[in-house]
PDB file of N, CA and C in Angstrom:
ATOM      1  N   UNK A   1     -87.100 -71.264  11.821  1.00  0.00           N
ATOM      2  CA  UNK A   1     -86.732 -70.117  11.341  1.00  0.00           C
ATOM      3  C   UNK A   1     -88.191 -69.565  10.910  1.00  0.00           C
ATOM      4  N   UNK A   2     -88.424 -68.231  11.411  1.00  0.00           N
ATOM      5  CA  UNK A   2     -89.607 -67.648  10.944  1.00  0.00           C
ATOM      6  C   UNK A   2     -89.824 -67.001   9.554  1.00  0.00           C
ATOM      7  N   UNK A   3     -91.096 -67.068   8.891  1.00  0.00           N
ATOM      8  CA  UNK A   3     -91.247 -66.685   7.595  1.00  0.00           C
ATOM      9  C   UNK A   3     -92.624 -65.866   7.689  1.00  0.00           C
ATOM     10  N   UNK A   4     -92.529 -64.762   6.742  1.00  0.00           N
ATOM     11  CA  UNK A   4     -93.777 -64.249   6.664  1.00  0.00           C
ATOM     12  C   UNK A   4     -95.040 -64.983   5.670  1.00  0.00           C
ATOM     13  N   UNK A   5     -96.306 -64.833   5.867  1.00  0.00           N
ATOM     14  CA  UNK A   5     -97.090 -65.640   4.982  1.00  0.00           C
ATOM     15  C   UNK A   5     -96.777 -65.420   3.735  1.00  0.00           C
ATOM     16  N   UNK A   6     -96.483 -64.249   3.190  1.00  0.00           N
ATOM     17  CA  UNK A   6     -96.155 -64.234   1.730  1.00  0.00           C
ATOM     18  C   UNK A   6     -94.869 -65.018   1.459  1.00  0.00           C
ATOM     19  N   UNK A   7     -93.966 -64.863   2.225  1.00  0.00           N
ATOM     20  CA  UNK A   7     -92.637 -65.908   1.918  1.00  0.00           C
ATOM     21  C   UNK A   7     -92.977 -67.335   2.030  1.00  0.00           C
ATOM     22  N   UNK A   8     -93.848 -67.588   2.815  1.00  0.00           N
ATOM     23  CA  UNK A   8     -94.308 -69.066   3.125  1.00  0.00           C
ATOM     24  C   UNK A   8     -95.186 -69.616   1.763  1.00  0.00           C
ATOM     25  N   UNK A   9     -96.191 -68.866   1.428  1.00  0.00           N
ATOM     26  CA  UNK A   9     -96.682 -69.038   0.168  1.00  0.00           C
ATOM     27  C   UNK A   9     -95.914 -69.060  -1.098  1.00  0.00           C
ATOM     28  N   UNK A  10     -94.878 -68.207  -1.266  1.00  0.00           N
ATOM     29  CA  UNK A  10     -93.950 -68.249  -2.303  1.00  0.00           C
ATOM     30  C   UNK A  10     -93.114 -69.291  -2.273  1.00  0.00           C
ATOM     31  N   UNK A  11     -92.546 -69.937  -1.084  1.00  0.00           N
ATOM     32  CA  UNK A  11     -91.442 -70.790  -1.121  1.00  0.00           C
ATOM     33  C   UNK A  11     -92.071 -71.981  -0.200  1.00  0.00           C
ATOM     34  N   UNK A  12     -93.340 -72.394  -0.622  1.00  0.00           N
ATOM     35  CA  UNK A  12     -93.841 -73.530   0.229  1.00  0.00           C
ATOM     36  C   UNK A  12     -93.375 -74.781   0.215  1.00  0.00           C
ATOM     37  N   UNK A  13     -92.761 -75.151  -1.100  1.00  0.00           N
ATOM     38  CA  UNK A  13     -92.170 -76.358  -1.159  1.00  0.00           C
ATOM     39  C   UNK A  13     -90.935 -76.452  -0.569  1.00  0.00           C
ATOM     40  N   UNK A  14     -89.963 -75.478  -0.567  1.00  0.00           N
ATOM     41  CA  UNK A  14     -88.752 -75.368   0.236  1.00  0.00           C
ATOM     42  C   UNK A  14     -88.957 -75.554   1.828  1.00  0.00           C
ATOM     43  N   UNK A  15     -89.987 -74.965   2.218  1.00  0.00           N
ATOM     44  CA  UNK A  15     -90.491 -75.158   3.704  1.00  0.00           C
ATOM     45  C   UNK A  15     -90.685 -76.475   3.903  1.00  0.00           C
ATOM     46  N   UNK A  16     -91.567 -77.055   3.135  1.00  0.00           N
ATOM     47  CA  UNK A  16     -91.810 -78.628   3.275  1.00  0.00           C
ATOM     48  C   UNK A  16     -90.661 -79.394   3.340  1.00  0.00           C
ATOM     49  N   UNK A  17     -89.574 -79.110   2.624  1.00  0.00           N
ATOM     50  CA  UNK A  17     -88.399 -79.814   2.598  1.00  0.00           C
ATOM     51  C   UNK A  17     -87.530 -79.537   3.871  1.00  0.00           C
ATOM     52  N   UNK A  18     -87.769 -78.498   4.544  1.00  0.00           N
ATOM     53  CA  UNK A  18     -86.855 -77.997   5.821  1.00  0.00           C
ATOM     54  C   UNK A  18     -87.876 -78.746   6.773  1.00  0.00           C
ATOM     55  N   UNK A  19     -88.981 -78.687   6.638  1.00  0.00           N
ATOM     56  CA  UNK A  19     -89.625 -79.364   7.991  1.00  0.00           C
ATOM     57  C   UNK A  19     -89.374 -81.089   7.819  1.00  0.00           C
ATOM     58  N   UNK A  20     -89.226 -81.480   6.839  1.00  0.00           N
ATOM     59  CA  UNK A  20     -88.991 -82.887   6.348  1.00  0.00           C
ATOM     60  C   UNK A  20     -87.462 -83.357   6.918  1.00  0.00           C
ATOM     61  N   UNK A  21     -86.472 -82.258   7.015  1.00  0.00           N
ATOM     62  CA  UNK A  21     -85.080 -82.419   7.381  1.00  0.00           C
ATOM     63  C   UNK A  21     -85.220 -82.273   8.856  1.00  0.00           C
ATOM     64  N   UNK A  22     -86.296 -82.033   9.540  1.00  0.00           N
ATOM     65  CA  UNK A  22     -86.043 -81.809  11.036  1.00  0.00           C
ATOM     66  C   UNK A  22     -86.280 -80.403  11.550  1.00  0.00           C
ATOM     67  N   UNK A  23     -86.364 -79.321  10.751  1.00  0.00           N
ATOM     68  CA  UNK A  23     -86.247 -78.142  11.235  1.00  0.00           C
ATOM     69  C   UNK A  23     -87.747 -77.805  11.458  1.00  0.00           C
ATOM     70  N   UNK A  24     -87.841 -76.681  12.428  1.00  0.00           N
ATOM     71  CA  UNK A  24     -89.395 -76.201  12.522  1.00  0.00           C
ATOM     72  C   UNK A  24     -89.506 -74.962  12.155  1.00  0.00           C
ATOM     73  N   UNK A  25     -90.491 -74.978  11.124  1.00  0.00           N
ATOM     74  CA  UNK A  25     -90.923 -73.443  10.433  1.00  0.00           C
ATOM     75  C   UNK A  25     -91.968 -72.720  11.067  1.00  0.00           C
ATOM     76  N   UNK A  26     -91.798 -71.653  11.382  1.00  0.00           N
ATOM     77  CA  UNK A  26     -92.696 -70.757  12.028  1.00  0.00           C
ATOM     78  C   UNK A  26     -93.299 -69.695  10.883  1.00  0.00           C
ATOM     79  N   UNK A  27     -94.738 -69.618  10.676  1.00  0.00           N
ATOM     80  CA  UNK A  27     -95.013 -68.657   9.857  1.00  0.00           C
ATOM     81  C   UNK A  27     -95.626 -67.474  10.566  1.00  0.00           C
ATOM     82  N   UNK A  28     -95.260 -66.271  10.243  1.00  0.00           N
ATOM     83  CA  UNK A  28     -95.765 -65.016  11.127  1.00  0.00           C
ATOM     84  C   UNK A  28     -96.627 -64.206  10.448  1.00  0.00           C
ATOM     85  N   UNK A  29     -97.431 -63.547  11.056  1.00  0.00           N
ATOM     86  CA  UNK A  29     -98.224 -62.812  10.332  1.00  0.00           C
ATOM     87  C   UNK A  29     -98.148 -61.269  11.037  1.00  0.00           C
ATOM     88  N   UNK A  30     -97.315 -60.454  10.489  1.00  0.00           N
ATOM     89  CA  UNK A  30     -96.560 -59.194  11.204  1.00  0.00           C
ATOM     90  C   UNK A  30     -95.574 -59.769  12.095  1.00  0.00           C
ATOM     91  N   UNK A  31     -95.703 -59.507  13.143  1.00  0.00           N
ATOM     92  CA  UNK A  31     -94.768 -59.966  14.422  1.00  0.00           C
ATOM     93  C   UNK A  31     -95.406 -61.165  15.122  1.00  0.00           C
ATOM     94  N   UNK A  32     -96.593 -61.243  14.681  1.00  0.00           N
ATOM     95  CA  UNK A  32     -97.270 -62.552  15.511  1.00  0.00           C
ATOM     96  C   UNK A  32     -97.219 -63.981  14.929  1.00  0.00           C
ATOM     97  N   UNK A  33     -96.515 -64.960  15.436  1.00  0.00           N
ATOM     98  CA  UNK A  33     -96.486 -66.114  14.960  1.00  0.00           C
ATOM     99  C   UNK A  33     -97.886 -66.939  15.067  1.00  0.00           C
ATOM    100  N   UNK A  34     -98.246 -67.392  13.764  1.00  0.00           N
ATOM    101  CA  UNK A  34     -99.659 -68.024  13.455  1.00  0.00           C
ATOM    102  C   UNK A  34     -99.548 -69.572  13.004  1.00  0.00           C
ATOM    103  N   UNK A  35     -98.631 -70.115  12.508  1.00  0.00           N
ATOM    104  CA  UNK A  35     -98.497 -71.228  12.296  1.00  0.00           C
ATOM    105  C   UNK A  35     -97.138 -71.892  12.446  1.00  0.00           C
ATOM    106  N   UNK A  36     -97.141 -73.260  12.656  1.00  0.00           N
ATOM    107  CA  UNK A  36     -95.758 -73.912  12.816  1.00  0.00           C
ATOM    108  C   UNK A  36     -95.836 -75.043  11.824  1.00  0.00           C
ATOM    109  N   UNK A  37     -94.711 -75.131  11.136  1.00  0.00           N
ATOM    110  CA  UNK A  37     -94.818 -76.422  10.111  1.00  0.00           C
ATOM    111  C   UNK A  37     -93.698 -77.448  10.419  1.00  0.00           C
ATOM    112  N   UNK A  38     -93.971 -78.560  10.885  1.00  0.00           N
ATOM    113  CA  UNK A  38     -93.149 -79.645  11.270  1.00  0.00           C
ATOM    114  C   UNK A  38     -93.427 -80.841  10.819  1.00  0.00           C
ATOM    115  N   UNK A  39     -92.355 -81.814  10.624  1.00  0.00           N
ATOM    116  CA  UNK A  39     -92.585 -83.128  10.025  1.00  0.00           C
ATOM    117  C   UNK A  39     -93.318 -84.101  10.886  1.00  0.00           C
ATOM    118  N   UNK A  40     -94.132 -84.686  10.221  1.00  0.00           N
ATOM    119  CA  UNK A  40     -95.157 -85.654  10.910  1.00  0.00           C
ATOM    120  C   UNK A  40     -94.278 -86.825  11.217  1.00  0.00           C
ATOM    121  N   UNK A  41     -94.350 -87.506  12.479  1.00  0.00           N
ATOM    122  CA  UNK A  41     -93.770 -88.754  12.825  1.00  0.00           C
ATOM    123  C   UNK A  41     -94.526 -89.778  12.248  1.00  0.00           C
ATOM    124  N   UNK A  42     -93.798 -90.800  11.603  1.00  0.00           N
ATOM    125  CA  UNK A  42     -94.624 -92.061  11.236  1.00  0.00           C
ATOM    126  C   UNK A  42     -95.245 -92.832  12.395  1.00  0.00           C
ATOM    127  N   UNK A  43     -96.306 -93.414  12.195  1.00  0.00           N
ATOM    128  CA  UNK A  43     -96.970 -94.167  13.353  1.00  0.00           C
ATOM    129  C   UNK A  43     -96.248 -95.173  13.719  1.00  0.00           C
ATOM    130  N   UNK A  44     -96.210 -95.683  14.824  1.00  0.00           N
ATOM    131  CA  UNK A  44     -95.297 -96.926  15.249  1.00  0.00           C
ATOM    132  C   UNK A  44     -95.933 -98.077  14.641  1.00  0.00           C
ATOM    133  N   UNK A  45     -95.153 -98.879  14.286  1.00  0.00           N
ATOM    134  CA  UNK A  45     -95.530-100.310  13.859  1.00  0.00           C
ATOM    135  C   UNK A  45     -96.296-101.022  14.858  1.00  0.00           C
ATOM    136  N   UNK A  46     -97.405-101.572  14.497  1.00  0.00           N
ATOM    137  CA  UNK A  46     -97.919-102.525  15.502  1.00  0.00           C
ATOM    138  C   UNK A  46     -97.255-103.750  15.965  1.00  0.00           C
ATOM    139  N   UNK A  47     -97.216-104.076  17.178  1.00  0.00           N
ATOM    140  CA  UNK A  47     -96.526-105.267  17.798  1.00  0.00           C
ATOM    141  C   UNK A  47     -97.333-106.578  17.501  1.00  0.00           C
ATOM    142  N   UNK A  48     -96.985-107.177  16.171  1.00  0.00           N
ATOM    143  CA  UNK A  48     -97.790-108.168  15.792  1.00  0.00           C
ATOM    144  C   UNK A  48     -96.939-109.410  15.870  1.00  0.00           C
ATOM    145  N   UNK A  49     -97.378-110.473  16.808  1.00  0.00           N
ATOM    146  CA  UNK A  49     -96.142-111.510  16.805  1.00  0.00           C
ATOM    147  C   UNK A  49     -95.972-112.291  15.486  1.00  0.00           C
ATOM    148  N   UNK A  50     -94.832-112.815  15.123  1.00  0.00           N
ATOM    149  CA  UNK A  50     -94.430-113.384  13.904  1.00  0.00           C
ATOM    150  C   UNK A  50     -94.863-114.741  14.201  1.00  0.00           C
ATOM    151  N   UNK A  51     -95.852-115.312  13.436  1.00  0.00           N
ATOM    152  CA  UNK A  51     -96.202-116.676  13.566  1.00  0.00           C
ATOM    153  C   UNK A  51     -96.097-117.522  12.525  1.00  0.00           C
ATOM    154  N   UNK A  52     -95.202-117.129  11.359  1.00  0.00           N
ATOM    155  CA  UNK A  52     -95.158-118.015  10.285  1.00  0.00           C
ATOM    156  C   UNK A  52     -93.997-119.271  10.380  1.00  0.00           C
ATOM    157  N   UNK A  53     -94.022-119.924   9.555  1.00  0.00           N
ATOM    158  CA  UNK A  53     -93.131-121.007   9.660  1.00  0.00           C
ATOM    159  C   UNK A  53     -91.657-120.486   9.632  1.00  0.00           C
ATOM    160  N   UNK A  54     -90.869-121.053  10.665  1.00  0.00           N
ATOM    161  CA  UNK A  54     -89.509-120.450  10.580  1.00  0.00           C
ATOM    162  C   UNK A  54     -89.528-119.327  11.577  1.00  0.00           C
ATOM    163  N   UNK A  55     -90.543-118.629  12.139  1.00  0.00           N
ATOM    164  CA  UNK A  55     -90.653-117.522  13.149  1.00  0.00           C
ATOM    165  C   UNK A  55     -89.998-117.739  14.403  1.00  0.00           C
ATOM    166  N   UNK A  56     -89.900-119.013  14.735  1.00  0.00           N
ATOM    167  CA  UNK A  56     -89.509-119.459  15.991  1.00  0.00           C
ATOM    168  C   UNK A  56     -88.176-120.401  15.869  1.00  0.00           C
ATOM    169  N   UNK A  57     -86.976-119.649  15.648  1.00  0.00           N
ATOM    170  CA  UNK A  57     -85.856-120.618  15.199  1.00  0.00           C
ATOM    171  C   UNK A  57     -85.295-121.490  16.492  1.00  0.00           C
ATOM    172  N   UNK A  58     -85.717-121.320  17.552  1.00  0.00           N
ATOM    173  CA  UNK A  58     -85.551-122.214  18.808  1.00  0.00           C
ATOM    174  C   UNK A  58     -86.073-123.462  18.646  1.00  0.00           C
ATOM    175  N   UNK A  59     -87.293-123.454  17.915  1.00  0.00           N
ATOM    176  CA  UNK A  59     -87.991-124.786  17.962  1.00  0.00           C
ATOM    177  C   UNK A  59     -87.716-125.457  16.608  1.00  0.00           C
ATOM    178  N   UNK A  60     -87.189-126.818  17.167  1.00  0.00           N
ATOM    179  CA  UNK A  60     -86.881-127.842  16.009  1.00  0.00           C
ATOM    180  C   UNK A  60     -87.645-129.307  16.271  1.00  0.00           C
ATOM    181  N   UNK A  61     -87.503-130.003  15.273  1.00  0.00           N
ATOM    182  CA  UNK A  61     -87.927-131.420  15.494  1.00  0.00           C
ATOM    183  C   UNK A  61     -87.110-132.533  14.640  1.00  0.00           C
ATOM    184  N   UNK A  62     -87.052-133.742  14.980  1.00  0.00           N
ATOM    185  CA  UNK A  62     -86.384-134.646  14.349  1.00  0.00           C
ATOM    186  C   UNK A  62     -87.269-135.143  13.146  1.00  0.00           C
ATOM    187  N   UNK A  63     -86.838-135.912  12.361  1.00  0.00           N
ATOM    188  CA  UNK A  63     -87.597-136.336  11.053  1.00  0.00           C
ATOM    189  C   UNK A  63     -88.622-137.153  11.672  1.00  0.00           C
ATOM    190  N   UNK A  64     -88.500-138.040  12.544  1.00  0.00           N
ATOM    191  CA  UNK A  64     -89.418-139.013  12.989  1.00  0.00           C
ATOM    192  C   UNK A  64     -90.684-138.433  13.884  1.00  0.00           C
ATOM    193  N   UNK A  65     -90.573-137.061  13.861  1.00  0.00           N
ATOM    194  CA  UNK A  65     -91.586-136.375  14.932  1.00  0.00           C
ATOM    195  C   UNK A  65     -92.970-136.704  14.527  1.00  0.00           C
ATOM    196  N   UNK A  66     -93.288-136.879  13.219  1.00  0.00           N
ATOM    197  CA  UNK A  66     -94.749-137.027  12.707  1.00  0.00           C
ATOM    198  C   UNK A  66     -95.217-138.774  12.594  1.00  0.00           C
ATOM    199  N   UNK A  67     -94.120-139.502  12.943  1.00  0.00           N
ATOM    200  CA  UNK A  67     -94.332-140.656  12.863  1.00  0.00           C
ATOM    201  C   UNK A  67     -95.405-141.371  13.822  1.00  0.00           C
ATOM    202  N   UNK A  68     -96.133-142.360  13.621  1.00  0.00           N
ATOM    203  CA  UNK A  68     -97.194-142.842  14.609  1.00  0.00           C
ATOM    204  C   UNK A  68     -96.213-143.290  15.791  1.00  0.00           C
ATOM    205  N   UNK A  69     -96.997-143.382  17.055  1.00  0.00           N
ATOM    206  CA  UNK A  69     -96.332-143.774  18.313  1.00  0.00           C
ATOM    207  C   UNK A  69     -96.353-145.195  18.394  1.00  0.00           C
ATOM    208  N   UNK A  70     -95.172-145.637  19.108  1.00  0.00           N
ATOM    209  CA  UNK A  70     -95.142-147.020  19.344  1.00  0.00           C
ATOM    210  C   UNK A  70     -96.195-147.190  20.880  1.00  0.00           C
ATOM    211  N   UNK A  71     -96.403-148.530  21.261  1.00  0.00           N
ATOM    212  CA  UNK A  71     -97.255-148.758  22.011  1.00  0.00           C
ATOM    213  C   UNK A  71     -96.428-148.362  23.556  1.00  0.00           C
ATOM    214  N   UNK A  72     -95.252-148.420  23.599  1.00  0.00           N
ATOM    215  CA  UNK A  72     -94.671-148.010  24.742  1.00  0.00           C
ATOM    216  C   UNK A  72     -94.636-146.299  24.800  1.00  0.00           C
ATOM    217  N   UNK A  73     -94.537-145.786  23.650  1.00  0.00           N
ATOM    218  CA  UNK A  73     -94.683-144.339  23.753  1.00  0.00           C
ATOM    219  C   UNK A  73     -96.065-143.758  24.133  1.00  0.00           C
ATOM    220  N   UNK A  74     -97.016-144.683  23.654  1.00  0.00           N
ATOM    221  CA  UNK A  74     -98.380-144.352  24.043  1.00  0.00           C
ATOM    222  C   UNK A  74     -98.782-144.519  25.515  1.00  0.00           C
ATOM    223  N   UNK A  75     -98.066-145.464  26.302  1.00  0.00           N
ATOM    224  CA  UNK A  75     -98.114-145.690  27.505  1.00  0.00           C
ATOM    225  C   UNK A  75     -97.455-144.840  28.331  1.00  0.00           C
ATOM    226  N   UNK A  76     -96.191-144.276  27.946  1.00  0.00           N
ATOM    227  CA  UNK A  76     -95.428-143.198  28.416  1.00  0.00           C
ATOM    228  C   UNK A  76     -96.269-141.823  28.626  1.00  0.00           C
ATOM    229  N   UNK A  77     -97.070-141.541  27.676  1.00  0.00           N
ATOM    230  CA  UNK A  77     -97.518-140.227  27.461  1.00  0.00           C
ATOM    231  C   UNK A  77     -99.180-140.251  28.340  1.00  0.00           C
ATOM    232  N   UNK A  78     -99.429-141.465  28.601  1.00  0.00           N
ATOM    233  CA  UNK A  78    -100.678-141.751  29.352  1.00  0.00           C
ATOM    234  C   UNK A  78    -101.943-141.977  28.437  1.00  0.00           C
ATOM    235  N   UNK A  79    -101.536-142.584  27.327  1.00  0.00           N
ATOM    236  CA  UNK A  79    -102.593-142.814  26.395  1.00  0.00           C
ATOM    237  C   UNK A  79    -102.708-144.468  26.297  1.00  0.00           C
ATOM    238  N   UNK A  80    -102.398-145.012  27.554  1.00  0.00           N
ATOM    239  CA  UNK A  80    -102.588-146.488  27.357  1.00  0.00           C
ATOM    240  C   UNK A  80    -103.677-147.293  27.109  1.00  0.00           C
ATOM    241  N   UNK A  81    -104.766-146.527  27.057  1.00  0.00           N
ATOM    242  CA  UNK A  81    -106.176-146.812  26.834  1.00  0.00           C
ATOM    243  C   UNK A  81    -106.350-147.053  25.224  1.00  0.00           C
ATOM    244  N   UNK A  82    -105.468-146.510  24.530  1.00  0.00           N
ATOM    245  CA  UNK A  82    -105.448-146.727  23.034  1.00  0.00           C
ATOM    246  C   UNK A  82    -104.704-147.852  22.422  1.00  0.00           C
ATOM    247  N   UNK A  83    -103.841-148.703  23.382  1.00  0.00           N
ATOM    248  CA  UNK A  83    -103.059-149.605  23.168  1.00  0.00           C
ATOM    249  C   UNK A  83    -103.772-150.668  22.559  1.00  0.00           C
ATOM    250  N   UNK A  84    -104.617-151.146  23.130  1.00  0.00           N
ATOM    251  CA  UNK A  84    -105.320-152.605  22.753  1.00  0.00           C
ATOM    252  C   UNK A  84    -106.646-152.413  21.993  1.00  0.00           C
ATOM    253  N   UNK A  85    -106.927-151.150  21.496  1.00  0.00           N
ATOM    254  CA  UNK A  85    -108.129-150.821  20.966  1.00  0.00           C
ATOM    255  C   UNK A  85    -108.162-151.496  19.507  1.00  0.00           C
ATOM    256  N   UNK A  86    -109.169-152.308  19.178  1.00  0.00           N
ATOM    257  CA  UNK A  86    -109.185-152.740  17.534  1.00  0.00           C
ATOM    258  C   UNK A  86    -109.361-151.606  16.563  1.00  0.00           C
ATOM    259  N   UNK A  87    -108.623-151.838  15.456  1.00  0.00           N
ATOM    260  CA  UNK A  87    -108.811-150.891  14.421  1.00  0.00           C
ATOM    261  C   UNK A  87    -110.124-151.100  13.661  1.00  0.00           C
ATOM    262  N   UNK A  88    -110.613-149.862  13.273  1.00  0.00           N
ATOM    263  CA  UNK A  88    -111.873-150.033  12.621  1.00  0.00           C
ATOM    264  C   UNK A  88    -111.550-150.313  11.159  1.00  0.00           C
ATOM    265  N   UNK A  89    -112.161-151.437  10.644  1.00  0.00           N
ATOM    266  CA  UNK A  89    -111.833-151.680   9.341  1.00  0.00           C
ATOM    267  C   UNK A  89    -112.370-150.425   8.236  1.00  0.00           C
ATOM    268  N   UNK A  90    -111.793-150.527   7.114  1.00  0.00           N
ATOM    269  CA  UNK A  90    -112.483-149.487   6.103  1.00  0.00           C
ATOM    270  C   UNK A  90    -113.705-150.162   5.596  1.00  0.00           C
ATOM    271  N   UNK A  91    -114.284-149.126   5.384  1.00  0.00           N
ATOM    272  CA  UNK A  91    -115.805-149.473   5.017  1.00  0.00           C
ATOM    273  C   UNK A  91    -115.995-149.913   3.519  1.00  0.00           C
ATOM    274  N   UNK A  92    -116.453-150.793   3.111  1.00  0.00           N
ATOM    275  CA  UNK A  92    -116.563-151.318   1.751  1.00  0.00           C
ATOM    276  C   UNK A  92    -117.157-150.308   0.778  1.00  0.00           C
ATOM    277  N   UNK A  93    -116.854-150.291  -0.289  1.00  0.00           N
ATOM    278  CA  UNK A  93    -117.632-149.505  -1.172  1.00  0.00           C
ATOM    279  C   UNK A  93    -118.908-149.939  -1.667  1.00  0.00           C
ATOM    280  N   UNK A  94    -119.657-149.053  -1.635  1.00  0.00           N
ATOM    281  CA  UNK A  94    -120.993-149.570  -2.242  1.00  0.00           C
ATOM    282  C   UNK A  94    -121.028-150.304  -3.555  1.00  0.00           C
ATOM    283  N   UNK A  95    -122.003-151.146  -3.926  1.00  0.00           N
ATOM    284  CA  UNK A  95    -122.064-151.692  -5.031  1.00  0.00           C
ATOM    285  C   UNK A  95    -122.317-150.792  -6.386  1.00  0.00           C
ATOM    286  N   UNK A  96    -122.690-149.645  -6.162  1.00  0.00           N
ATOM    287  CA  UNK A  96    -122.790-148.741  -7.418  1.00  0.00           C
ATOM    288  C   UNK A  96    -121.388-148.105  -7.572  1.00  0.00           C
ATOM    289  N   UNK A  97    -120.528-148.257  -6.798  1.00  0.00           N
ATOM    290  CA  UNK A  97    -119.178-147.846  -7.092  1.00  0.00           C
ATOM    291  C   UNK A  97    -118.187-148.804  -7.464  1.00  0.00           C
ATOM    292  N   UNK A  98    -118.438-150.000  -7.354  1.00  0.00           N
ATOM    293  CA  UNK A  98    -117.536-151.196  -7.733  1.00  0.00           C
ATOM    294  C   UNK A  98    -117.250-151.350  -9.258  1.00  0.00           C
TER     295      UNK A  98
END
């Protein structure tokens, strides 16, 4: 709907509400349109992948998922070179800490 500059200045808050409601407000100087008031569209939300725990509902695991692997499981996965490796003993505490 067209308004004169004087009407636009007098009723600016109402014109803003009209623009927010989706109407296009035209400001005229005499018979010449000089400005258009429209609502600004909010920017689109960025497409950020959701990577927090629980963000992938189709992925689950069993309670033993983090248990150490057995020798048979190591061999099945191709880690058979780890089966007969001697464990490294825990280092002894220095005499100053005993």
